PDB file of N, CA and C in Angstrom:
ATOM      1  N   UNK A   1     -21.019  22.400-159.252  1.00  0.00           N
ATOM      2  CA  UNK A   1     -20.110  21.359-158.886  1.00  0.00           C
ATOM      3  C   UNK A   1     -18.754  21.926-158.809  1.00  0.00           C
ATOM      4  N   UNK A   2     -18.117  21.656-157.577  1.00  0.00           N
ATOM      5  CA  UNK A   2     -16.749  22.231-157.379  1.00  0.00           C
ATOM      6  C   UNK A   2     -15.674  21.417-158.069  1.00  0.00           C
ATOM      7  N   UNK A   3     -14.516  21.956-158.065  1.00  0.00           N
ATOM      8  CA  UNK A   3     -13.344  21.368-158.743  1.00  0.00           C
ATOM      9  C   UNK A   3     -13.026  20.042-158.104  1.00  0.00           C
ATOM     10  N   UNK A   4     -13.098  19.864-156.800  1.00  0.00           N
ATOM     11  CA  UNK A   4     -12.835  18.574-156.149  1.00  0.00           C
ATOM     12  C   UNK A   4     -13.681  17.539-156.617  1.00  0.00           C
ATOM     13  N   UNK A   5     -15.032  17.819-156.786  1.00  0.00           N
ATOM     14  CA  UNK A   5     -15.967  16.824-157.264  1.00  0.00           C
ATOM     15  C   UNK A   5     -15.706  16.458-158.691  1.00  0.00           C
ATOM     16  N   UNK A   6     -15.282  17.364-159.481  1.00  0.00           N
ATOM     17  CA  UNK A   6     -14.938  17.169-160.849  1.00  0.00           C
ATOM     18  C   UNK A   6     -13.709  16.228-161.000  1.00  0.00           C
ATOM     19  N   UNK A   7     -12.722  16.460-160.191  1.00  0.00           N
ATOM     20  CA  UNK A   7     -11.499  15.606-160.200  1.00  0.00           C
ATOM     21  C   UNK A   7     -11.854  14.225-159.711  1.00  0.00           C
ATOM     22  N   UNK A   8     -12.729  14.133-158.683  1.00  0.00           N
ATOM     23  CA  UNK A   8     -13.165  12.743-158.245  1.00  0.00           C
ATOM     24  C   UNK A   8     -13.878  12.050-159.283  1.00  0.00           C
ATOM     25  N   UNK A   9     -14.763  12.788-160.011  1.00  0.00           N
ATOM     26  CA  UNK A   9     -15.536  12.140-161.170  1.00  0.00           C
ATOM     27  C   UNK A   9     -14.586  11.504-162.204  1.00  0.00           C
ATOM     28  N   UNK A  10     -13.573  12.335-162.581  1.00  0.00           N
ATOM     29  CA  UNK A  10     -12.596  11.885-163.570  1.00  0.00           C
ATOM     30  C   UNK A  10     -11.845  10.656-163.030  1.00  0.00           C
ATOM     31  N   UNK A  11     -11.436  10.667-161.792  1.00  0.00           N
ATOM     32  CA  UNK A  11     -10.677   9.551-161.204  1.00  0.00           C
ATOM     33  C   UNK A  11     -11.574   8.279-161.241  1.00  0.00           C
ATOM     34  N   UNK A  12     -12.831   8.406-160.809  1.00  0.00           N
ATOM     35  CA  UNK A  12     -13.760   7.286-160.813  1.00  0.00           C
ATOM     36  C   UNK A  12     -13.970   6.739-162.231  1.00  0.00           C
ATOM     37  N   UNK A  13     -14.131   7.685-163.191  1.00  0.00           N
ATOM     38  CA  UNK A  13     -14.258   7.219-164.580  1.00  0.00           C
ATOM     39  C   UNK A  13     -13.093   6.436-165.081  1.00  0.00           C
ATOM     40  N   UNK A  14     -11.856   6.911-164.748  1.00  0.00           N
ATOM     41  CA  UNK A  14     -10.646   6.138-165.109  1.00  0.00           C
ATOM     42  C   UNK A  14     -10.595   4.858-164.480  1.00  0.00           C
ATOM     43  N   UNK A  15     -10.958   4.762-163.229  1.00  0.00           N
ATOM     44  CA  UNK A  15     -10.978   3.480-162.464  1.00  0.00           C
ATOM     45  C   UNK A  15     -11.954   2.545-163.162  1.00  0.00           C
ATOM     46  N   UNK A  16     -13.098   2.996-163.535  1.00  0.00           N
ATOM     47  CA  UNK A  16     -14.104   2.109-164.194  1.00  0.00           C
ATOM     48  C   UNK A  16     -13.552   1.615-165.498  1.00  0.00           C
ATOM     49  N   UNK A  17     -12.938   2.517-166.300  1.00  0.00           N
ATOM     50  CA  UNK A  17     -12.409   2.144-167.593  1.00  0.00           C
ATOM     51  C   UNK A  17     -11.348   1.174-167.426  1.00  0.00           C
ATOM     52  N   UNK A  18     -10.428   1.367-166.379  1.00  0.00           N
ATOM     53  CA  UNK A  18      -9.325   0.411-166.152  1.00  0.00           C
ATOM     54  C   UNK A  18      -9.896  -0.983-165.807  1.00  0.00           C
ATOM     55  N   UNK A  19     -10.935  -1.023-165.058  1.00  0.00           N
ATOM     56  CA  UNK A  19     -11.553  -2.283-164.678  1.00  0.00           C
ATOM     57  C   UNK A  19     -12.073  -3.084-165.922  1.00  0.00           C
ATOM     58  N   UNK A  20     -12.738  -2.344-166.774  1.00  0.00           N
ATOM     59  CA  UNK A  20     -13.245  -2.961-168.003  1.00  0.00           C
ATOM     60  C   UNK A  20     -12.130  -3.454-168.980  1.00  0.00           C
ATOM     61  N   UNK A  21     -11.081  -2.658-169.011  1.00  0.00           N
ATOM     62  CA  UNK A  21      -9.883  -3.000-169.793  1.00  0.00           C
ATOM     63  C   UNK A  21      -9.126  -4.205-169.180  1.00  0.00           C
ATOM     64  N   UNK A  22      -8.908  -4.211-167.902  1.00  0.00           N
ATOM     65  CA  UNK A  22      -8.334  -5.298-167.236  1.00  0.00           C
ATOM     66  C   UNK A  22      -9.066  -6.603-167.353  1.00  0.00           C
ATOM     67  N   UNK A  23     -10.382  -6.585-167.477  1.00  0.00           N
ATOM     68  CA  UNK A  23     -11.145  -7.837-167.568  1.00  0.00           C
ATOM     69  C   UNK A  23     -11.537  -8.144-169.057  1.00  0.00           C
ATOM     70  N   UNK A  24     -10.843  -7.295-169.958  1.00  0.00           N
ATOM     71  CA  UNK A  24     -11.085  -7.549-171.390  1.00  0.00           C
ATOM     72  C   UNK A  24     -12.552  -7.462-171.752  1.00  0.00           C
ATOM     73  N   UNK A  25     -13.202  -6.487-171.106  1.00  0.00           N
ATOM     74  CA  UNK A  25     -14.609  -6.247-171.408  1.00  0.00           C
ATOM     75  C   UNK A  25     -15.629  -7.012-170.583  1.00  0.00           C
ATOM     76  N   UNK A  26     -15.162  -7.914-169.756  1.00  0.00           N
ATOM     77  CA  UNK A  26     -16.097  -8.772-169.000  1.00  0.00           C
ATOM     78  C   UNK A  26     -16.597  -7.992-167.699  1.00  0.00           C
ATOM     79  N   UNK A  27     -15.818  -7.024-167.271  1.00  0.00           N
ATOM     80  CA  UNK A  27     -16.201  -6.243-166.071  1.00  0.00           C
ATOM     81  C   UNK A  27     -17.477  -5.401-166.325  1.00  0.00           C
ATOM     82  N   UNK A  28     -18.148  -5.140-165.235  1.00  0.00           N
ATOM     83  CA  UNK A  28     -19.329  -4.213-165.298  1.00  0.00           C
ATOM     84  C   UNK A  28     -18.856  -2.805-165.585  1.00  0.00           C
ATOM     85  N   UNK A  29     -19.363  -2.153-166.630  1.00  0.00           N
ATOM     86  CA  UNK A  29     -18.799  -0.847-167.036  1.00  0.00           C
ATOM     87  C   UNK A  29     -18.965   0.225-165.928  1.00  0.00           C
ATOM     88  N   UNK A  30     -19.920   0.068-164.980  1.00  0.00           N
ATOM     89  CA  UNK A  30     -20.123   1.112-163.979  1.00  0.00           C
ATOM     90  C   UNK A  30     -19.494   0.772-162.667  1.00  0.00           C
ATOM     91  N   UNK A  31     -18.668  -0.306-162.628  1.00  0.00           N
ATOM     92  CA  UNK A  31     -18.102  -0.792-161.384  1.00  0.00           C
ATOM     93  C   UNK A  31     -16.646  -0.461-161.180  1.00  0.00           C
ATOM     94  N   UNK A  32     -16.232   0.074-160.055  1.00  0.00           N
ATOM     95  CA  UNK A  32     -14.847   0.372-159.817  1.00  0.00           C
ATOM     96  C   UNK A  32     -14.127  -0.902-159.489  1.00  0.00           C
ATOM     97  N   UNK A  33     -12.805  -0.804-159.522  1.00  0.00           N
ATOM     98  CA  UNK A  33     -11.986  -1.947-159.186  1.00  0.00           C
ATOM     99  C   UNK A  33     -12.180  -2.293-157.743  1.00  0.00           C
ATOM    100  N   UNK A  34     -12.313  -1.292-156.904  1.00  0.00           N
ATOM    101  CA  UNK A  34     -12.593  -1.551-155.468  1.00  0.00           C
ATOM    102  C   UNK A  34     -13.855  -2.311-155.200  1.00  0.00           C
ATOM    103  N   UNK A  35     -14.931  -1.859-155.795  1.00  0.00           N
ATOM    104  CA  UNK A  35     -16.188  -2.531-155.607  1.00  0.00           C
ATOM    105  C   UNK A  35     -16.155  -3.986-156.209  1.00  0.00           C
ATOM    106  N   UNK A  36     -15.449  -4.150-157.287  1.00  0.00           N
ATOM    107  CA  UNK A  36     -15.315  -5.496-157.895  1.00  0.00           C
ATOM    108  C   UNK A  36     -14.476  -6.388-156.977  1.00  0.00           C
ATOM    109  N   UNK A  37     -13.492  -5.865-156.353  1.00  0.00           N
ATOM    110  CA  UNK A  37     -12.609  -6.673-155.461  1.00  0.00           C
ATOM    111  C   UNK A  37     -13.452  -7.131-154.316  1.00  0.00           C
ATOM    112  N   UNK A  38     -14.250  -6.317-153.714  1.00  0.00           N
ATOM    113  CA  UNK A  38     -15.134  -6.721-152.587  1.00  0.00           C
ATOM    114  C   UNK A  38     -16.093  -7.766-153.000  1.00  0.00           C
ATOM    115  N   UNK A  39     -16.776  -7.575-154.190  1.00  0.00           N
ATOM    116  CA  UNK A  39     -17.699  -8.545-154.692  1.00  0.00           C
ATOM    117  C   UNK A  39     -17.036  -9.922-154.951  1.00  0.00           C
ATOM    118  N   UNK A  40     -15.891  -9.847-155.606  1.00  0.00           N
ATOM    119  CA  UNK A  40     -15.245 -11.115-155.954  1.00  0.00           C
ATOM    120  C   UNK A  40     -14.756 -11.800-154.718  1.00  0.00           C
ATOM    121  N   UNK A  41     -14.273 -11.127-153.735  1.00  0.00           N
ATOM    122  CA  UNK A  41     -13.835 -11.755-152.484  1.00  0.00           C
ATOM    123  C   UNK A  41     -15.090 -12.431-151.843  1.00  0.00           C
ATOM    124  N   UNK A  42     -16.223 -11.822-151.837  1.00  0.00           N
ATOM    125  CA  UNK A  42     -17.425 -12.451-151.277  1.00  0.00           C
ATOM    126  C   UNK A  42     -17.859 -13.650-152.064  1.00  0.00           C
ATOM    127  N   UNK A  43     -17.518 -13.686-153.346  1.00  0.00           N
ATOM    128  CA  UNK A  43     -17.847 -14.883-154.127  1.00  0.00           C
ATOM    129  C   UNK A  43     -16.761 -15.919-154.038  1.00  0.00           C
ATOM    130  N   UNK A  44     -15.731 -15.746-153.283  1.00  0.00           N
ATOM    131  CA  UNK A  44     -14.700 -16.716-153.028  1.00  0.00           C
ATOM    132  C   UNK A  44     -13.728 -16.790-154.144  1.00  0.00           C
ATOM    133  N   UNK A  45     -13.598 -15.727-154.988  1.00  0.00           N
ATOM    134  CA  UNK A  45     -12.663 -15.789-156.114  1.00  0.00           C
ATOM    135  C   UNK A  45     -11.316 -15.397-155.670  1.00  0.00           C
ATOM    136  N   UNK A  46     -10.268 -15.967-156.173  1.00  0.00           N
ATOM    137  CA  UNK A  46      -8.916 -15.763-155.786  1.00  0.00           C
ATOM    138  C   UNK A  46      -8.583 -14.222-156.095  1.00  0.00           C
ATOM    139  N   UNK A  47      -8.910 -13.778-157.230  1.00  0.00           N
ATOM    140  CA  UNK A  47      -8.595 -12.349-157.557  1.00  0.00           C
ATOM    141  C   UNK A  47      -9.146 -11.382-156.428  1.00  0.00           C
ATOM    142  N   UNK A  48     -10.353 -11.620-155.937  1.00  0.00           N
ATOM    143  CA  UNK A  48     -10.887 -10.800-154.910  1.00  0.00           C
ATOM    144  C   UNK A  48     -10.079 -10.952-153.573  1.00  0.00           C
ATOM    145  N   UNK A  49      -9.734 -12.208-153.258  1.00  0.00           N
ATOM    146  CA  UNK A  49      -8.933 -12.475-152.048  1.00  0.00           C
ATOM    147  C   UNK A  49      -7.528 -11.771-152.085  1.00  0.00           C
ATOM    148  N   UNK A  50      -7.004 -11.562-153.274  1.00  0.00           N
ATOM    149  CA  UNK A  50      -5.707 -10.918-153.499  1.00  0.00           C
ATOM    150  C   UNK A  50      -5.907  -9.311-153.553  1.00  0.00           C
ATOM    151  N   UNK A  51      -6.840  -8.972-154.417  1.00  0.00           N
ATOM    152  CA  UNK A  51      -6.979  -7.488-154.652  1.00  0.00           C
ATOM    153  C   UNK A  51      -7.621  -6.711-153.498  1.00  0.00           C
ATOM    154  N   UNK A  52      -8.601  -7.263-152.805  1.00  0.00           N
ATOM    155  CA  UNK A  52      -9.334  -6.519-151.833  1.00  0.00           C
ATOM    156  C   UNK A  52      -8.325  -6.061-150.613  1.00  0.00           C
ATOM    157  N   UNK A  53      -7.593  -6.980-150.050  1.00  0.00           N
ATOM    158  CA  UNK A  53      -6.651  -6.518-149.054  1.00  0.00           C
ATOM    159  C   UNK A  53      -5.593  -5.491-149.561  1.00  0.00           C
ATOM    160  N   UNK A  54      -5.150  -5.686-150.779  1.00  0.00           N
ATOM    161  CA  UNK A  54      -4.101  -4.729-151.257  1.00  0.00           C
ATOM    162  C   UNK A  54      -4.784  -3.304-151.417  1.00  0.00           C
ATOM    163  N   UNK A  55      -5.940  -3.295-152.085  1.00  0.00           N
ATOM    164  CA  UNK A  55      -6.624  -1.960-152.234  1.00  0.00           C
ATOM    165  C   UNK A  55      -6.939  -1.338-150.916  1.00  0.00           C
ATOM    166  N   UNK A  56      -7.467  -2.131-149.985  1.00  0.00           N
ATOM    167  CA  UNK A  56      -7.859  -1.591-148.658  1.00  0.00           C
ATOM    168  C   UNK A  56      -6.556  -1.026-147.964  1.00  0.00           C
ATOM    169  N   UNK A  57      -5.468  -1.707-148.110  1.00  0.00           N
ATOM    170  CA  UNK A  57      -4.204  -1.212-147.557  1.00  0.00           C
ATOM    171  C   UNK A  57      -3.751   0.091-148.131  1.00  0.00           C
ATOM    172  N   UNK A  58      -3.912   0.203-149.428  1.00  0.00           N
ATOM    173  CA  UNK A  58      -3.598   1.486-150.153  1.00  0.00           C
ATOM    174  C   UNK A  58      -4.415   2.658-149.634  1.00  0.00           C
ATOM    175  N   UNK A  59      -5.746   2.348-149.424  1.00  0.00           N
ATOM    176  CA  UNK A  59      -6.612   3.420-149.044  1.00  0.00           C
ATOM    177  C   UNK A  59      -6.702   3.672-147.589  1.00  0.00           C
ATOM    178  N   UNK A  60      -6.045   2.751-146.741  1.00  0.00           N
ATOM    179  CA  UNK A  60      -6.198   2.786-145.292  1.00  0.00           C
ATOM    180  C   UNK A  60      -5.999   4.243-144.682  1.00  0.00           C
ATOM    181  N   UNK A  61      -4.925   4.984-145.162  1.00  0.00           N
ATOM    182  CA  UNK A  61      -4.787   6.305-144.582  1.00  0.00           C
ATOM    183  C   UNK A  61      -5.976   7.280-144.843  1.00  0.00           C
ATOM    184  N   UNK A  62      -6.703   7.042-145.869  1.00  0.00           N
ATOM    185  CA  UNK A  62      -7.851   7.930-146.250  1.00  0.00           C
ATOM    186  C   UNK A  62      -9.218   7.383-145.789  1.00  0.00           C
ATOM    187  N   UNK A  63      -9.345   6.100-145.783  1.00  0.00           N
ATOM    188  CA  UNK A  63     -10.644   5.431-145.577  1.00  0.00           C
ATOM    189  C   UNK A  63     -10.523   4.016-145.132  1.00  0.00           C
ATOM    190  N   UNK A  64     -11.054   3.597-144.044  1.00  0.00           N
ATOM    191  CA  UNK A  64     -11.065   2.206-143.649  1.00  0.00           C
ATOM    192  C   UNK A  64     -12.175   1.468-144.413  1.00  0.00           C
ATOM    193  N   UNK A  65     -11.970   0.211-144.656  1.00  0.00           N
ATOM    194  CA  UNK A  65     -12.885  -0.667-145.313  1.00  0.00           C
ATOM    195  C   UNK A  65     -13.362  -0.037-146.786  1.00  0.00           C
ATOM    196  N   UNK A  66     -12.329   0.459-147.469  1.00  0.00           N
ATOM    197  CA  UNK A  66     -12.600   1.127-148.691  1.00  0.00           C
ATOM    198  C   UNK A  66     -13.362   0.333-149.698  1.00  0.00           C
ATOM    199  N   UNK A  67     -12.992  -0.976-149.897  1.00  0.00           N
ATOM    200  CA  UNK A  67     -13.690  -1.757-150.922  1.00  0.00           C
ATOM    201  C   UNK A  67     -15.088  -2.063-150.535  1.00  0.00           C
ATOM    202  N   UNK A  68     -15.369  -2.335-149.231  1.00  0.00           N
ATOM    203  CA  UNK A  68     -16.746  -2.627-148.823  1.00  0.00           C
ATOM    204  C   UNK A  68     -17.594  -1.384-149.045  1.00  0.00           C
ATOM    205  N   UNK A  69     -17.043  -0.237-148.639  1.00  0.00           N
ATOM    206  CA  UNK A  69     -17.716   0.996-148.863  1.00  0.00           C
ATOM    207  C   UNK A  69     -18.095   1.351-150.398  1.00  0.00           C
ATOM    208  N   UNK A  70     -17.024   1.019-151.168  1.00  0.00           N
ATOM    209  CA  UNK A  70     -17.213   1.243-152.609  1.00  0.00           C
ATOM    210  C   UNK A  70     -18.325   0.320-153.164  1.00  0.00           C
ATOM    211  N   UNK A  71     -18.276  -0.954-152.690  1.00  0.00           N
ATOM    212  CA  UNK A  71     -19.390  -1.862-153.125  1.00  0.00           C
ATOM    213  C   UNK A  71     -20.745  -1.394-152.659  1.00  0.00           C
ATOM    214  N   UNK A  72     -20.885  -1.011-151.424  1.00  0.00           N
ATOM    215  CA  UNK A  72     -22.106  -0.522-150.896  1.00  0.00           C
ATOM    216  C   UNK A  72     -22.579   0.679-151.652  1.00  0.00           C
ATOM    217  N   UNK A  73     -21.673   1.639-151.987  1.00  0.00           N
ATOM    218  CA  UNK A  73     -22.013   2.850-152.764  1.00  0.00           C
ATOM    219  C   UNK A  73     -22.606   2.410-154.099  1.00  0.00           C
ATOM    220  N   UNK A  74     -21.916   1.467-154.822  1.00  0.00           N
ATOM    221  CA  UNK A  74     -22.386   0.990-156.054  1.00  0.00           C
ATOM    222  C   UNK A  74     -23.847   0.351-155.968  1.00  0.00           C
ATOM    223  N   UNK A  75     -23.963  -0.510-154.962  1.00  0.00           N
ATOM    224  CA  UNK A  75     -25.217  -1.274-154.765  1.00  0.00           C
ATOM    225  C   UNK A  75     -26.387  -0.324-154.445  1.00  0.00           C
ATOM    226  N   UNK A  76     -26.046   0.784-153.800  1.00  0.00           N
ATOM    227  CA  UNK A  76     -27.118   1.735-153.378  1.00  0.00           C
ATOM    228  C   UNK A  76     -27.325   2.819-154.395  1.00  0.00           C
ATOM    229  N   UNK A  77     -26.492   2.836-155.437  1.00  0.00           N
ATOM    230  CA  UNK A  77     -26.622   3.851-156.437  1.00  0.00           C
ATOM    231  C   UNK A  77     -26.227   5.286-156.065  1.00  0.00           C
ATOM    232  N   UNK A  78     -25.362   5.344-155.036  1.00  0.00           N
ATOM    233  CA  UNK A  78     -25.006   6.680-154.574  1.00  0.00           C
ATOM    234  C   UNK A  78     -24.137   7.504-155.549  1.00  0.00           C
ATOM    235  N   UNK A  79     -23.567   6.855-156.523  1.00  0.00           N
ATOM    236  CA  UNK A  79     -22.840   7.570-157.543  1.00  0.00           C
ATOM    237  C   UNK A  79     -23.814   8.226-158.614  1.00  0.00           C
ATOM    238  N   UNK A  80     -25.051   7.765-158.627  1.00  0.00           N
ATOM    239  CA  UNK A  80     -25.958   8.328-159.686  1.00  0.00           C
ATOM    240  C   UNK A  80     -26.458   9.771-159.354  1.00  0.00           C
ATOM    241  N   UNK A  81     -26.581  10.494-160.413  1.00  0.00           N
ATOM    242  CA  UNK A  81     -27.176  11.858-160.249  1.00  0.00           C
ATOM    243  C   UNK A  81     -28.637  11.741-159.753  1.00  0.00           C
ATOM    244  N   UNK A  82     -29.132  12.709-159.175  1.00  0.00           N
ATOM    245  CA  UNK A  82     -30.546  12.656-158.571  1.00  0.00           C
ATOM    246  C   UNK A  82     -31.536  12.249-159.711  1.00  0.00           C
ATOM    247  N   UNK A  83     -31.327  12.666-160.918  1.00  0.00           N
ATOM    248  CA  UNK A  83     -32.361  12.365-161.923  1.00  0.00           C
ATOM    249  C   UNK A  83     -32.395  10.863-162.297  1.00  0.00           C
ATOM    250  N   UNK A  84     -31.437  10.083-161.848  1.00  0.00           N
ATOM    251  CA  UNK A  84     -31.443   8.620-162.226  1.00  0.00           C
ATOM    252  C   UNK A  84     -31.828   7.734-160.977  1.00  0.00           C
ATOM    253  N   UNK A  85     -31.973   8.384-159.888  1.00  0.00           N
ATOM    254  CA  UNK A  85     -32.310   7.638-158.591  1.00  0.00           C
ATOM    255  C   UNK A  85     -33.785   7.348-158.566  1.00  0.00           C
ATOM    256  N   UNK A  86     -34.141   6.153-158.173  1.00  0.00           N
ATOM    257  CA  UNK A  86     -35.564   5.848-157.911  1.00  0.00           C
ATOM    258  C   UNK A  86     -36.006   6.471-156.644  1.00  0.00           C
ATOM    259  N   UNK A  87     -37.185   6.973-156.669  1.00  0.00           N
ATOM    260  CA  UNK A  87     -37.734   7.695-155.462  1.00  0.00           C
ATOM    261  C   UNK A  87     -38.897   6.949-154.981  1.00  0.00           C
TER     262      UNK A  87
END
């Protein structure tokens, strides 16, 4: 595993921790703020309707539709190591 992947892993872990802390423990511990924003917007929640466009705007120079992609990645288990993926 290269240094870039290690840095990305730490950033994702901090993102997930921030989400759980922001929700006072109600957030899913393996969900990023971006994935949660997409999910909440789809559920019609005000927080999602506010957060999702803000996050997507922040990530726009790097990735379009960041929140949707983050949600899909979570739903498909792409973040899981091979040993945890169903085959």
